[in-house]
Each structure stands twice: as C-alpha cells, then as structure tokens.
Amino acid sequence: MSDSDYRRNADWAAGDQRGPAFDPWLQPELFRGVLGRRVAAFLIDLMLLAIPVVLAVTFISVFGLVTLGLGWSLFWLVSPATVIWALVYYGATLGGPYSATLGMRAMDLEMRTWYGEPSYFVMGAVHAILFWLSITMLSPLVLLVGPFNARRRLLHDIVLGTVVLNSSALDSPAHPARY
C-alpha cells in the first residue's frame, strides 16, 4: 500500500475532513440560476415519472373491462410500482455518468457531493426519498432554505451533503473539479 493510499484510508477512518469543493464566492457561475432551473427540472422529471404510471393505470382499466372486473384487482400494484419506479429513476439517473436526472440535464444541472465527486445510485435514491419526505412533512416551505445560503442548497441537499451545479460552468476549463 502506497503512502497516499495509507493517508486516504486514515482520513476516511478519522471521518473524512475534506472541505467543500465548490466556493460560491470564488465561482459564482456554478450557482447562478440554479434554484429556478431546479424547479423546471423537477416538473420535467415529474412528467417523465407520470407517463408510465398513467399508461399502467390505463392498461389496468382496459384490462379490467375486458376481464369483466377481474383485472381491476391489479390496481393495488400501482402505488408500490410507482415508488419503485421513482427510486430506480432517480437512482439510475443521478447515479449515472451525468449525475443528473433527465430534467436536470435538460436544464443544464448536475448533482455532486459536497467535496466534488459525482453522485452514485444509492445517493440518488436517498436524495429522492429525503426530498419527498421533507416536502411531505415540512410542506413546500422547505424550499425557502435555498435562497438563504450561498450554494443554493435545499434542506435535503444539506442533510445528504450534496450540491447542484451548472453543468456548463463546471465543464469550463477554468474549473478543474470535473472527474
């Protein structure tokens, strides 16, 4: 094991003390307009999540008519399937190579960890769970946290240790944090 590997393992064991990779005062372009575009990205993702659910409900309805009501017993599957679909969608897209959902990609956003690394599947799924739990329990007032911090992080971002950035600003040669 090399000396740098030993130090990295020792840092991890001691509770990784890496600081934030993105400074809003030195790199304001990374955070410019993020909150508004996050709302638009959420609406796009909500539509993408709803399409398969609407198709499934339509199929079950028609199937119920054809089977004289027997097919309607499949409606109980819609709720758990919707939750599983959302977790897979957020986990796969946020944990994918772009670290962004399709809505976030359309809005030129991506999610990174506090210290600059790309997201991964479990973080993406947990991010979605924390978002929906915080919105459910704290109402949309949880979104008011964003305008009052320099990194434009929402409550679930702070709890999970993530930050959402402008992808095009992160791609610029002036910013070396792209992995």
Protein backbone atom coordinates (compact mmCIF):
# COMPACT_ATOMS: atom_id res chain seq x y z
CA MET A 1 0.00 0.00 0.00
CA SER A 2 1.43 3.36 -1.00
CA ASP A 3 1.80 6.28 1.35
CA SER A 4 -1.04 8.22 -0.32
CA ASP A 5 -3.35 5.18 -0.01
CA TYR A 6 -2.47 4.92 3.66
CA ARG A 7 -3.24 8.61 4.23
CA ARG A 8 -6.53 8.32 2.32
CA ASN A 9 -7.59 5.32 4.42
CA ALA A 10 -6.52 7.07 7.62
CA ASP A 11 -8.53 10.17 6.62
CA TRP A 12 -11.57 8.00 5.94
CA ALA A 13 -11.23 6.19 9.25
CA ALA A 14 -10.88 9.50 11.10
CA GLY A 15 -14.03 10.92 9.50
CA ASP A 16 -13.05 12.40 6.14
CA GLN A 17 -12.24 16.06 6.72
CA ARG A 18 -12.28 17.18 3.09
CA GLY A 19 -13.73 20.62 2.67
CA PRO A 20 -16.23 21.80 0.09
CA ALA A 21 -15.02 21.66 -3.48
CA PHE A 22 -17.22 24.48 -4.74
CA ASP A 23 -16.86 28.00 -3.37
CA PRO A 24 -19.80 30.28 -4.19
CA TRP A 25 -17.70 33.40 -3.67
CA LEU A 26 -14.83 32.36 -5.93
CA GLN A 27 -17.01 30.51 -8.50
CA PRO A 28 -20.42 32.23 -8.57
CA GLU A 29 -21.09 30.94 -12.11
CA LEU A 30 -21.55 27.43 -10.67
CA PHE A 31 -24.60 28.54 -8.66
CA ARG A 32 -26.15 31.23 -10.88
CA GLY A 33 -29.82 30.49 -11.63
CA VAL A 34 -29.74 27.02 -10.09
CA LEU A 35 -32.92 27.29 -7.98
CA GLY A 36 -35.23 28.31 -10.82
CA ARG A 37 -33.83 25.65 -13.10
CA ARG A 38 -34.22 23.03 -10.35
CA VAL A 39 -37.93 23.77 -10.22
CA ALA A 40 -38.22 23.42 -14.01
CA ALA A 41 -36.17 20.20 -13.89
CA PHE A 42 -38.43 18.82 -11.17
CA LEU A 43 -41.51 19.47 -13.30
CA ILE A 44 -39.90 17.74 -16.29
CA ASP A 45 -38.96 14.76 -14.13
CA LEU A 46 -42.46 14.63 -12.65
CA MET A 47 -43.90 14.38 -16.17
CA LEU A 48 -41.41 11.65 -17.09
CA LEU A 49 -42.29 9.73 -13.92
CA ALA A 50 -46.04 10.12 -14.54
CA ILE A 51 -46.10 8.80 -18.12
CA PRO A 52 -45.51 5.10 -17.27
CA VAL A 53 -47.88 5.35 -14.30
CA VAL A 54 -50.66 6.79 -16.47
CA LEU A 55 -50.04 4.10 -19.08
CA ALA A 56 -50.20 1.38 -16.39
CA VAL A 57 -53.46 2.75 -14.95
CA THR A 58 -54.95 2.96 -18.45
CA PHE A 59 -53.88 -0.62 -19.20
CA ILE A 60 -55.33 -1.92 -15.91
CA SER A 61 -58.60 -0.07 -16.57
CA VAL A 62 -58.99 -1.54 -20.05
CA PHE A 63 -57.85 -4.96 -18.83
CA GLY A 64 -60.50 -4.76 -16.09
CA LEU A 65 -63.17 -4.06 -18.66
CA VAL A 66 -62.06 -6.96 -20.86
CA THR A 67 -61.95 -9.40 -17.92
CA LEU A 68 -65.30 -8.21 -16.55
CA GLY A 69 -63.75 -6.58 -13.46
CA LEU A 70 -61.15 -9.20 -12.54
CA GLY A 71 -58.30 -7.15 -13.96
CA TRP A 72 -59.10 -4.24 -11.67
CA SER A 73 -57.64 -6.22 -8.81
CA LEU A 74 -54.23 -5.16 -10.19
CA PHE A 75 -54.78 -1.56 -9.09
CA TRP A 76 -53.17 -2.33 -5.73
CA LEU A 77 -49.86 -2.70 -7.60
CA VAL A 78 -49.89 0.89 -8.87
CA SER A 79 -48.74 2.57 -5.65
CA PRO A 80 -45.78 0.30 -4.84
CA ALA A 81 -44.78 0.17 -8.51
CA THR A 82 -44.81 3.97 -8.65
CA VAL A 83 -42.49 4.22 -5.64
CA ILE A 84 -40.12 1.60 -7.06
CA TRP A 85 -40.15 3.30 -10.48
CA ALA A 86 -39.30 6.69 -8.91
CA LEU A 87 -36.45 5.24 -6.82
CA VAL A 88 -34.97 3.44 -9.82
CA TYR A 89 -35.34 6.54 -12.00
CA TYR A 90 -33.64 8.87 -9.52
CA GLY A 91 -31.01 6.33 -8.51
CA ALA A 92 -30.10 5.42 -12.08
CA THR A 93 -30.08 8.96 -13.45
CA LEU A 94 -28.42 10.73 -10.51
CA GLY A 95 -26.03 7.82 -10.13
CA GLY A 96 -25.33 7.67 -13.86
CA PRO A 97 -22.46 9.18 -15.80
CA TYR A 98 -24.06 12.65 -15.92
CA SER A 99 -25.03 12.78 -12.20
CA ALA A 100 -28.33 14.33 -13.27
CA THR A 101 -31.91 13.33 -13.97
CA LEU A 102 -33.24 13.88 -17.48
CA GLY A 103 -34.93 17.08 -16.29
CA MET A 104 -31.69 18.28 -14.74
CA ARG A 105 -29.82 17.51 -17.95
CA ALA A 106 -32.39 19.50 -19.91
CA MET A 107 -31.84 22.41 -17.52
CA ASP A 108 -28.01 22.08 -17.60
CA LEU A 109 -27.66 20.98 -13.96
CA GLU A 110 -25.85 18.19 -12.19
CA MET A 111 -25.52 16.93 -8.63
CA ARG A 112 -22.19 16.47 -6.89
CA THR A 113 -21.13 15.52 -3.41
CA TRP A 114 -20.00 18.24 -1.04
CA TYR A 115 -16.37 17.52 -1.88
CA GLY A 116 -16.84 17.37 -5.66
CA GLU A 117 -17.26 13.71 -6.58
CA PRO A 118 -20.06 12.51 -8.88
CA SER A 119 -23.18 11.02 -7.40
CA TYR A 120 -23.92 7.28 -7.25
CA PHE A 121 -27.07 5.11 -7.32
CA VAL A 122 -27.77 4.91 -3.59
CA MET A 123 -27.17 8.63 -3.12
CA GLY A 124 -29.60 9.39 -5.95
CA ALA A 125 -32.31 7.17 -4.45
CA VAL A 126 -31.78 8.54 -0.94
CA HIS A 127 -31.81 12.09 -2.34
CA ALA A 128 -35.26 11.44 -3.79
CA ILE A 129 -36.51 9.88 -0.55
CA LEU A 130 -35.27 12.81 1.54
CA PHE A 131 -36.79 15.28 -0.89
CA TRP A 132 -40.22 13.67 -0.82
CA LEU A 133 -40.12 13.20 2.97
CA SER A 134 -39.09 16.80 3.57
CA ILE A 135 -41.77 18.14 1.21
CA THR A 136 -44.39 15.90 2.81
CA MET A 137 -43.53 16.71 6.41
CA LEU A 138 -42.41 20.32 6.13
CA SER A 139 -44.57 21.42 3.17
CA PRO A 140 -43.07 23.41 0.33
CA LEU A 141 -41.62 25.82 2.89
CA VAL A 142 -38.55 23.58 2.86
CA LEU A 143 -37.72 25.18 -0.50
CA LEU A 144 -37.20 28.53 1.24
CA VAL A 145 -33.84 27.31 2.55
CA GLY A 146 -32.30 27.67 -0.93
CA PRO A 147 -32.35 31.45 -1.38
CA PHE A 148 -30.74 31.98 2.02
CA ASN A 149 -27.50 30.06 1.51
CA ALA A 150 -24.71 30.87 -0.91
CA ARG A 151 -24.61 27.41 -2.54
CA ARG A 152 -28.38 27.42 -3.20
CA ARG A 153 -28.73 24.10 -1.40
CA LEU A 154 -32.12 22.87 -0.25
CA LEU A 155 -32.71 21.17 3.09
CA HIS A 156 -32.31 17.63 1.75
CA ASP A 157 -29.09 18.65 -0.04
CA ILE A 158 -27.65 19.90 3.24
CA VAL A 159 -28.63 16.75 5.12
CA LEU A 160 -27.22 14.46 2.40
CA GLY A 161 -24.10 16.51 1.66
CA THR A 162 -24.81 17.27 -1.99
CA VAL A 163 -24.77 20.37 -4.14
CA VAL A 164 -26.46 21.06 -7.50
CA LEU A 165 -24.36 22.99 -10.02
CA ASN A 166 -24.49 24.45 -13.51
CA SER A 167 -23.03 21.77 -15.77
CA SER A 168 -21.76 24.17 -18.42
CA ALA A 169 -19.87 26.22 -15.82
CA LEU A 170 -18.41 23.02 -14.39
CA ASP A 171 -17.27 21.99 -17.89
CA SER A 172 -15.31 25.20 -18.40
CA PRO A 173 -11.53 24.84 -18.43
CA ALA A 174 -11.29 27.28 -15.52
CA HIS A 175 -12.82 24.69 -13.18
CA PRO A 176 -10.67 21.60 -12.52
CA ALA A 177 -13.21 19.68 -10.36
CA ARG A 178 -14.68 17.71 -13.29
CA TYR A 179 -13.92 13.99 -12.85
